[in-house]
Amino acid sequence: ATLRRAAALGIGTLHECAGPDISSEDDFTALLALAAAEPGPRVVGYWGELVTGAKDAARVRDLGAAGAGGDLFADGSLGSHTAHLHAPYHDADHTGTAHLDARTIAAHVAACTEAGLQAGFHAIGDAALTSVTEGVRAAAEQVGLTRVRALRHRVEHAMLLTGEHIAAFAELALTASVQPAFDAAWGGEEGMYAQRLGAERARTLNPYAALLRAGVPLALGSDAPVTPLDPWGT
């Protein structure tokens, strides 16, 4: 049904962000098999599990995944106060939740790069994005910047970016997989983002023009069903 809906909207490719924390291997492989057997949009799958070496990378490939990323969680979400921030929330006395540190991220990116496999992370808060950029840079120091850049490792959401983060994305050739409808739904001076971060900090979310000026590729998506499949709306 999703593939038919996407086709009706003119969408030719969808990305499935699966992983052990949110679905299962059987769910993922069955979805890819169904998509391959039916006419309609192409489905590119990502498997959100840490890779530590060639054996893990081979298993990700055996599942049919294009990369080890997608919903590989560096942090949570702003709505649930679990996005990882450098400074506390405007409406809570903590800074959210970190699921991965820079060292773990570096090991994952280095192992994926050695295997020729695209890596990626879910990262929303500025502290999570710092961990990601520091980790990817450390991986580049280990296996070589040219090799890291060639694989166009990917960050899902990438919302609370600073100028330093944007420069790092450009330096490391990271792709920003972003959702413009998030800003339409929860942005603005009185939206949920302003409640969570305060209006001033919320204004810095989703700096798409700055990313484009820096030469960072933007993959515009929906995170459906979080927001609807709607390319014209996007």
C-alpha atoms as a PDB file:
ATOM      1  CA  ALA A   1       0.000   0.000   0.000  1.00  0.00           C
ATOM      2  CA  THR A   2       2.860   2.364   0.796  1.00  0.00           C
ATOM      3  CA  LEU A   3       4.546   1.678  -2.527  1.00  0.00           C
ATOM      4  CA  ARG A   4       1.294   2.341  -4.407  1.00  0.00           C
ATOM      5  CA  ARG A   5       0.788   5.567  -2.483  1.00  0.00           C
ATOM      6  CA  ALA A   6       4.369   6.684  -3.183  1.00  0.00           C
ATOM      7  CA  ALA A   7       4.004   5.910  -6.893  1.00  0.00           C
ATOM      8  CA  ALA A   8       0.795   7.928  -7.062  1.00  0.00           C
ATOM      9  CA  LEU A   9       2.698  10.891  -5.615  1.00  0.00           C
ATOM     10  CA  GLY A  10       5.529  10.558  -8.141  1.00  0.00           C
ATOM     11  CA  ILE A  11       8.060   9.163  -5.666  1.00  0.00           C
ATOM     12  CA  GLY A  12      10.484   6.777  -7.372  1.00  0.00           C
ATOM     13  CA  THR A  13      12.677   5.697  -4.453  1.00  0.00           C
ATOM     14  CA  LEU A  14      12.000   5.130  -0.770  1.00  0.00           C
ATOM     15  CA  HIS A  15      14.458   4.450   2.027  1.00  0.00           C
ATOM     16  CA  GLU A  16      13.648   1.964   4.777  1.00  0.00           C
ATOM     17  CA  CYS A  17      15.503   2.755   8.003  1.00  0.00           C
ATOM     18  CA  ALA A  18      15.350  -0.536   9.872  1.00  0.00           C
ATOM     19  CA  GLY A  19      17.365  -2.025  12.705  1.00  0.00           C
ATOM     20  CA  PRO A  20      17.313  -4.343  15.689  1.00  0.00           C
ATOM     21  CA  ASP A  21      15.962  -1.637  18.020  1.00  0.00           C
ATOM     22  CA  ILE A  22      12.889  -0.787  15.919  1.00  0.00           C
ATOM     23  CA  SER A  23      12.003  -3.819  13.780  1.00  0.00           C
ATOM     24  CA  SER A  24      13.693  -7.147  13.040  1.00  0.00           C
ATOM     25  CA  GLU A  25      15.847  -8.829  10.438  1.00  0.00           C
ATOM     26  CA  ASP A  26      12.845 -10.841   9.220  1.00  0.00           C
ATOM     27  CA  ASP A  27      10.750  -7.688   8.841  1.00  0.00           C
ATOM     28  CA  PHE A  28      13.538  -5.972   6.897  1.00  0.00           C
ATOM     29  CA  THR A  29      14.355  -8.821   4.527  1.00  0.00           C
ATOM     30  CA  ALA A  30      10.663  -9.541   3.876  1.00  0.00           C
ATOM     31  CA  LEU A  31      10.043  -5.895   2.997  1.00  0.00           C
ATOM     32  CA  LEU A  32      12.972  -5.785   0.567  1.00  0.00           C
ATOM     33  CA  ALA A  33      11.840  -9.067  -1.025  1.00  0.00           C
ATOM     34  CA  LEU A  34       8.286  -7.777  -1.468  1.00  0.00           C
ATOM     35  CA  ALA A  35       9.531  -4.514  -2.976  1.00  0.00           C
ATOM     36  CA  ALA A  36      11.749  -6.418  -5.414  1.00  0.00           C
ATOM     37  CA  ALA A  37       8.892  -8.687  -6.473  1.00  0.00           C
ATOM     38  CA  GLU A  38       6.283  -5.974  -7.038  1.00  0.00           C
ATOM     39  CA  PRO A  39       6.261  -3.203  -9.644  1.00  0.00           C
ATOM     40  CA  GLY A  40       6.663   0.292  -8.303  1.00  0.00           C
ATOM     41  CA  PRO A  41       9.183   2.496  -6.515  1.00  0.00           C
ATOM     42  CA  ARG A  42      12.589   1.159  -5.569  1.00  0.00           C
ATOM     43  CA  VAL A  43      13.258   0.558  -1.870  1.00  0.00           C
ATOM     44  CA  VAL A  44      16.774   1.147  -0.525  1.00  0.00           C
ATOM     45  CA  GLY A  45      17.301  -0.369   2.896  1.00  0.00           C
ATOM     46  CA  TYR A  46      19.511   0.729   5.768  1.00  0.00           C
ATOM     47  CA  TRP A  47      20.232  -1.437   8.793  1.00  0.00           C
ATOM     48  CA  GLY A  48      20.904   0.512  12.016  1.00  0.00           C
ATOM     49  CA  GLU A  49      23.394  -1.682  13.849  1.00  0.00           C
ATOM     50  CA  LEU A  50      27.004  -1.020  14.850  1.00  0.00           C
ATOM     51  CA  VAL A  51      29.702  -2.561  12.656  1.00  0.00           C
ATOM     52  CA  THR A  52      32.974  -3.502  14.316  1.00  0.00           C
ATOM     53  CA  GLY A  53      34.699  -5.387  11.505  1.00  0.00           C
ATOM     54  CA  ALA A  54      34.449  -7.222   8.205  1.00  0.00           C
ATOM     55  CA  LYS A  55      32.180  -9.964   9.601  1.00  0.00           C
ATOM     56  CA  ASP A  56      29.569  -7.427  10.744  1.00  0.00           C
ATOM     57  CA  ALA A  57      29.774  -5.577   7.422  1.00  0.00           C
ATOM     58  CA  ALA A  58      29.228  -8.820   5.515  1.00  0.00           C
ATOM     59  CA  ARG A  59      26.148  -9.583   7.613  1.00  0.00           C
ATOM     60  CA  VAL A  60      24.685  -6.132   6.851  1.00  0.00           C
ATOM     61  CA  ARG A  61      25.209  -6.796   3.149  1.00  0.00           C
ATOM     62  CA  ASP A  62      23.703 -10.276   3.445  1.00  0.00           C
ATOM     63  CA  LEU A  63      20.523  -8.650   4.807  1.00  0.00           C
ATOM     64  CA  GLY A  64      20.316  -6.645   1.582  1.00  0.00           C
ATOM     65  CA  ALA A  65      21.126  -3.306   3.200  1.00  0.00           C
ATOM     66  CA  ALA A  66      22.799  -0.491   1.272  1.00  0.00           C
ATOM     67  CA  GLY A  67      24.448   0.757   4.453  1.00  0.00           C
ATOM     68  CA  ALA A  68      24.812   0.396   8.196  1.00  0.00           C
ATOM     69  CA  GLY A  69      22.942   3.457   9.344  1.00  0.00           C
ATOM     70  CA  GLY A  70      19.533   5.067   9.164  1.00  0.00           C
ATOM     71  CA  ASP A  71      18.071   4.750  12.630  1.00  0.00           C
ATOM     72  CA  LEU A  72      21.369   3.982  14.338  1.00  0.00           C
ATOM     73  CA  PHE A  73      20.587   6.215  17.264  1.00  0.00           C
ATOM     74  CA  ALA A  74      23.162   8.743  18.490  1.00  0.00           C
ATOM     75  CA  ASP A  75      20.327  10.390  20.457  1.00  0.00           C
ATOM     76  CA  GLY A  76      16.524  10.593  20.644  1.00  0.00           C
ATOM     77  CA  SER A  77      14.004  13.299  19.714  1.00  0.00           C
ATOM     78  CA  LEU A  78      13.153  16.841  20.764  1.00  0.00           C
ATOM     79  CA  GLY A  79       9.512  16.003  21.408  1.00  0.00           C
ATOM     80  CA  SER A  80      10.430  13.416  24.051  1.00  0.00           C
ATOM     81  CA  HIS A  81      13.280  15.516  25.538  1.00  0.00           C
ATOM     82  CA  THR A  82      15.760  12.811  24.485  1.00  0.00           C
ATOM     83  CA  ALA A  83      17.685  14.635  21.741  1.00  0.00           C
ATOM     84  CA  HIS A  84      21.178  15.198  23.178  1.00  0.00           C
ATOM     85  CA  LEU A  85      21.952  18.894  23.727  1.00  0.00           C
ATOM     86  CA  HIS A  86      25.001  20.833  24.878  1.00  0.00           C
ATOM     87  CA  ALA A  87      22.823  23.113  27.046  1.00  0.00           C
ATOM     88  CA  PRO A  88      19.712  22.026  28.978  1.00  0.00           C
ATOM     89  CA  TYR A  89      16.231  22.109  27.505  1.00  0.00           C
ATOM     90  CA  HIS A  90      14.210  25.298  27.897  1.00  0.00           C
ATOM     91  CA  ASP A  91      11.411  23.307  29.544  1.00  0.00           C
ATOM     92  CA  ALA A  92      13.422  20.600  31.366  1.00  0.00           C
ATOM     93  CA  ASP A  93      16.485  20.587  33.612  1.00  0.00           C
ATOM     94  CA  HIS A  94      18.591  18.100  31.626  1.00  0.00           C
ATOM     95  CA  THR A  95      20.338  17.754  28.270  1.00  0.00           C
ATOM     96  CA  GLY A  96      18.692  14.625  26.863  1.00  0.00           C
ATOM     97  CA  THR A  97      20.161  11.217  26.120  1.00  0.00           C
ATOM     98  CA  ALA A  98      23.366  10.141  24.396  1.00  0.00           C
ATOM     99  CA  HIS A  99      23.308   6.638  22.944  1.00  0.00           C
ATOM    100  CA  LEU A 100      26.687   6.718  21.175  1.00  0.00           C
ATOM    101  CA  ASP A 101      29.934   8.525  21.987  1.00  0.00           C
ATOM    102  CA  ALA A 102      32.528   9.794  19.521  1.00  0.00           C
ATOM    103  CA  ARG A 103      34.806   6.798  20.068  1.00  0.00           C
ATOM    104  CA  THR A 104      32.040   4.312  19.225  1.00  0.00           C
ATOM    105  CA  ILE A 105      31.030   6.365  16.205  1.00  0.00           C
ATOM    106  CA  ALA A 106      34.645   6.479  14.995  1.00  0.00           C
ATOM    107  CA  ALA A 107      35.001   2.697  15.265  1.00  0.00           C
ATOM    108  CA  HIS A 108      31.759   2.159  13.306  1.00  0.00           C
ATOM    109  CA  VAL A 109      32.681   4.599  10.531  1.00  0.00           C
ATOM    110  CA  ALA A 110      36.214   3.220  10.244  1.00  0.00           C
ATOM    111  CA  ALA A 111      34.966  -0.370  10.012  1.00  0.00           C
ATOM    112  CA  CYS A 112      32.306   0.552   7.446  1.00  0.00           C
ATOM    113  CA  THR A 113      34.827   2.538   5.410  1.00  0.00           C
ATOM    114  CA  GLU A 114      37.292  -0.350   5.417  1.00  0.00           C
ATOM    115  CA  ALA A 115      34.478  -2.563   4.109  1.00  0.00           C
ATOM    116  CA  GLY A 116      33.320  -0.050   1.489  1.00  0.00           C
ATOM    117  CA  LEU A 117      29.950   0.270   3.231  1.00  0.00           C
ATOM    118  CA  GLN A 118      28.046   3.521   3.778  1.00  0.00           C
ATOM    119  CA  ALA A 119      27.574   4.363   7.462  1.00  0.00           C
ATOM    120  CA  GLY A 120      25.031   6.651   9.046  1.00  0.00           C
ATOM    121  CA  PHE A 121      23.453   7.841  12.263  1.00  0.00           C
ATOM    122  CA  HIS A 122      20.248   9.337  13.633  1.00  0.00           C
ATOM    123  CA  ALA A 123      21.401  12.606  15.247  1.00  0.00           C
ATOM    124  CA  ILE A 124      19.182  15.578  16.155  1.00  0.00           C
ATOM    125  CA  GLY A 125      20.687  17.541  19.054  1.00  0.00           C
ATOM    126  CA  ASP A 126      23.836  19.645  18.843  1.00  0.00           C
ATOM    127  CA  ALA A 127      25.713  17.421  21.314  1.00  0.00           C
ATOM    128  CA  ALA A 128      24.824  14.316  19.295  1.00  0.00           C
ATOM    129  CA  LEU A 129      25.978  16.055  16.115  1.00  0.00           C
ATOM    130  CA  THR A 130      29.243  16.987  17.816  1.00  0.00           C
ATOM    131  CA  SER A 131      29.787  13.320  18.695  1.00  0.00           C
ATOM    132  CA  VAL A 132      29.047  12.319  15.099  1.00  0.00           C
ATOM    133  CA  THR A 133      31.348  14.873  13.478  1.00  0.00           C
ATOM    134  CA  GLU A 134      34.149  14.219  15.970  1.00  0.00           C
ATOM    135  CA  GLY A 135      33.748  10.494  15.458  1.00  0.00           C
ATOM    136  CA  VAL A 136      33.757  10.681  11.666  1.00  0.00           C
ATOM    137  CA  ARG A 137      36.807  12.957  11.753  1.00  0.00           C
ATOM    138  CA  ALA A 138      38.617  10.486  14.015  1.00  0.00           C
ATOM    139  CA  ALA A 139      37.746   7.686  11.583  1.00  0.00           C
ATOM    140  CA  ALA A 140      39.149   9.780   8.732  1.00  0.00           C
ATOM    141  CA  GLU A 141      42.401  10.189  10.654  1.00  0.00           C
ATOM    142  CA  GLN A 142      42.533   6.410  11.001  1.00  0.00           C
ATOM    143  CA  VAL A 143      41.586   5.200   7.512  1.00  0.00           C
ATOM    144  CA  GLY A 144      42.087   8.325   5.390  1.00  0.00           C
ATOM    145  CA  LEU A 145      39.920  11.347   4.621  1.00  0.00           C
ATOM    146  CA  THR A 146      39.589  10.510   0.913  1.00  0.00           C
ATOM    147  CA  ARG A 147      38.184   7.060   1.681  1.00  0.00           C
ATOM    148  CA  VAL A 148      35.721   8.449   4.227  1.00  0.00           C
ATOM    149  CA  ARG A 149      34.548  11.176   1.854  1.00  0.00           C
ATOM    150  CA  ALA A 150      34.069   8.694  -0.992  1.00  0.00           C
ATOM    151  CA  LEU A 151      31.381   6.752   0.888  1.00  0.00           C
ATOM    152  CA  ARG A 152      29.178   9.829   1.600  1.00  0.00           C
ATOM    153  CA  HIS A 153      28.290   8.690   5.107  1.00  0.00           C
ATOM    154  CA  ARG A 154      24.837   9.911   6.066  1.00  0.00           C
ATOM    155  CA  VAL A 155      23.193  11.668   9.002  1.00  0.00           C
ATOM    156  CA  GLU A 156      19.443  11.402   9.519  1.00  0.00           C
ATOM    157  CA  HIS A 157      17.675  14.590  10.706  1.00  0.00           C
ATOM    158  CA  ALA A 158      20.790  16.726  11.495  1.00  0.00           C
ATOM    159  CA  MET A 159      18.621  19.435  13.005  1.00  0.00           C
ATOM    160  CA  LEU A 160      20.424  21.534  15.642  1.00  0.00           C
ATOM    161  CA  LEU A 161      23.519  22.320  13.596  1.00  0.00           C
ATOM    162  CA  THR A 162      26.133  24.945  14.422  1.00  0.00           C
ATOM    163  CA  GLY A 163      28.463  26.564  11.918  1.00  0.00           C
ATOM    164  CA  GLU A 164      31.186  24.201  13.083  1.00  0.00           C
ATOM    165  CA  HIS A 165      28.975  21.201  12.374  1.00  0.00           C
ATOM    166  CA  ILE A 166      28.143  22.474   8.882  1.00  0.00           C
ATOM    167  CA  ALA A 167      31.835  22.992   8.112  1.00  0.00           C
ATOM    168  CA  ALA A 168      32.557  19.457   9.336  1.00  0.00           C
ATOM    169  CA  PHE A 169      29.771  18.015   7.163  1.00  0.00           C
ATOM    170  CA  ALA A 170      31.361  19.702   4.138  1.00  0.00           C
ATOM    171  CA  GLU A 171      34.891  18.628   5.110  1.00  0.00           C
ATOM    172  CA  LEU A 172      33.881  14.999   5.654  1.00  0.00           C
ATOM    173  CA  ALA A 173      31.393  14.813   2.728  1.00  0.00           C
ATOM    174  CA  LEU A 174      28.503  13.853   4.979  1.00  0.00           C
ATOM    175  CA  THR A 175      25.019  13.774   3.448  1.00  0.00           C
ATOM    176  CA  ALA A 176      22.252  15.432   5.488  1.00  0.00           C
ATOM    177  CA  SER A 177      19.004  13.441   5.251  1.00  0.00           C
ATOM    178  CA  VAL A 178      16.483  16.056   6.354  1.00  0.00           C
ATOM    179  CA  GLN A 179      12.729  16.494   6.748  1.00  0.00           C
ATOM    180  CA  PRO A 180      11.385  19.965   5.874  1.00  0.00           C
ATOM    181  CA  ALA A 181       7.881  19.032   7.065  1.00  0.00           C
ATOM    182  CA  PHE A 182       9.236  18.794  10.617  1.00  0.00           C
ATOM    183  CA  ASP A 183       9.812  22.541  10.600  1.00  0.00           C
ATOM    184  CA  ALA A 184       6.357  23.148   9.127  1.00  0.00           C
ATOM    185  CA  ALA A 185       4.752  21.019  11.839  1.00  0.00           C
ATOM    186  CA  TRP A 186       6.741  22.043  14.923  1.00  0.00           C
ATOM    187  CA  GLY A 187       8.726  25.163  14.026  1.00  0.00           C
ATOM    188  CA  GLY A 188       7.820  28.824  14.454  1.00  0.00           C
ATOM    189  CA  GLU A 189       7.948  31.166  17.420  1.00  0.00           C
ATOM    190  CA  GLU A 190       5.438  29.175  19.491  1.00  0.00           C
ATOM    191  CA  GLY A 191       5.791  25.646  18.122  1.00  0.00           C
ATOM    192  CA  MET A 192       7.039  22.563  19.932  1.00  0.00           C
ATOM    193  CA  TYR A 193      10.662  23.295  19.042  1.00  0.00           C
ATOM    194  CA  ALA A 194      10.431  26.758  20.621  1.00  0.00           C
ATOM    195  CA  GLN A 195       8.874  25.189  23.731  1.00  0.00           C
ATOM    196  CA  ARG A 196      11.703  22.685  24.005  1.00  0.00           C
ATOM    197  CA  LEU A 197      14.618  24.982  23.143  1.00  0.00           C
ATOM    198  CA  GLY A 198      13.380  28.549  23.564  1.00  0.00           C
ATOM    199  CA  ALA A 199      12.598  30.659  20.510  1.00  0.00           C
ATOM    200  CA  GLU A 200      16.175  31.887  19.951  1.00  0.00           C
ATOM    201  CA  ARG A 201      17.750  28.441  19.877  1.00  0.00           C
ATOM    202  CA  ALA A 202      14.836  26.997  17.909  1.00  0.00           C
ATOM    203  CA  ARG A 203      15.472  29.523  15.117  1.00  0.00           C
ATOM    204  CA  THR A 204      18.802  27.804  14.425  1.00  0.00           C
ATOM    205  CA  LEU A 205      17.184  24.442  13.602  1.00  0.00           C
ATOM    206  CA  ASN A 206      17.236  23.029  10.068  1.00  0.00           C
ATOM    207  CA  PRO A 207      19.644  25.532   8.413  1.00  0.00           C
ATOM    208  CA  TYR A 208      19.159  24.174   4.907  1.00  0.00           C
ATOM    209  CA  ALA A 209      20.427  27.230   3.047  1.00  0.00           C
ATOM    210  CA  ALA A 210      23.639  27.261   5.078  1.00  0.00           C
ATOM    211  CA  LEU A 211      24.164  23.567   4.352  1.00  0.00           C
ATOM    212  CA  LEU A 212      23.668  24.150   0.627  1.00  0.00           C
ATOM    213  CA  ARG A 213      26.038  27.125   0.622  1.00  0.00           C
ATOM    214  CA  ALA A 214      28.669  24.898   2.234  1.00  0.00           C
ATOM    215  CA  GLY A 215      28.201  22.252  -0.456  1.00  0.00           C
ATOM    216  CA  VAL A 216      26.510  19.669   1.788  1.00  0.00           C
ATOM    217  CA  PRO A 217      24.093  17.404  -0.134  1.00  0.00           C
ATOM    218  CA  LEU A 218      20.530  17.423   1.216  1.00  0.00           C
ATOM    219  CA  ALA A 219      18.323  14.352   0.876  1.00  0.00           C
ATOM    220  CA  LEU A 220      14.790  15.657   1.409  1.00  0.00           C
ATOM    221  CA  GLY A 221      12.478  13.101   2.997  1.00  0.00           C
ATOM    222  CA  SER A 222       9.443  12.731   5.214  1.00  0.00           C
ATOM    223  CA  ASP A 223      10.368  10.211   7.921  1.00  0.00           C
ATOM    224  CA  ALA A 224       6.916   8.808   7.100  1.00  0.00           C
ATOM    225  CA  PRO A 225       4.716   8.088   8.953  1.00  0.00           C
ATOM    226  CA  VAL A 226       6.053  10.856  11.246  1.00  0.00           C
ATOM    227  CA  THR A 227       5.047  13.304   8.519  1.00  0.00           C
ATOM    228  CA  PRO A 228       3.207  12.227   5.344  1.00  0.00           C
ATOM    229  CA  LEU A 229       4.714  11.296   2.006  1.00  0.00           C
ATOM    230  CA  ASP A 230       4.237  14.665   0.291  1.00  0.00           C
ATOM    231  CA  PRO A 231       6.937  15.758  -2.170  1.00  0.00           C
ATOM    232  CA  TRP A 232       5.092  18.900  -3.303  1.00  0.00           C
ATOM    233  CA  GLY A 233       4.508  19.896   0.303  1.00  0.00           C
ATOM    234  CA  THR A 234       8.169  19.315   1.030  1.00  0.00           C
END
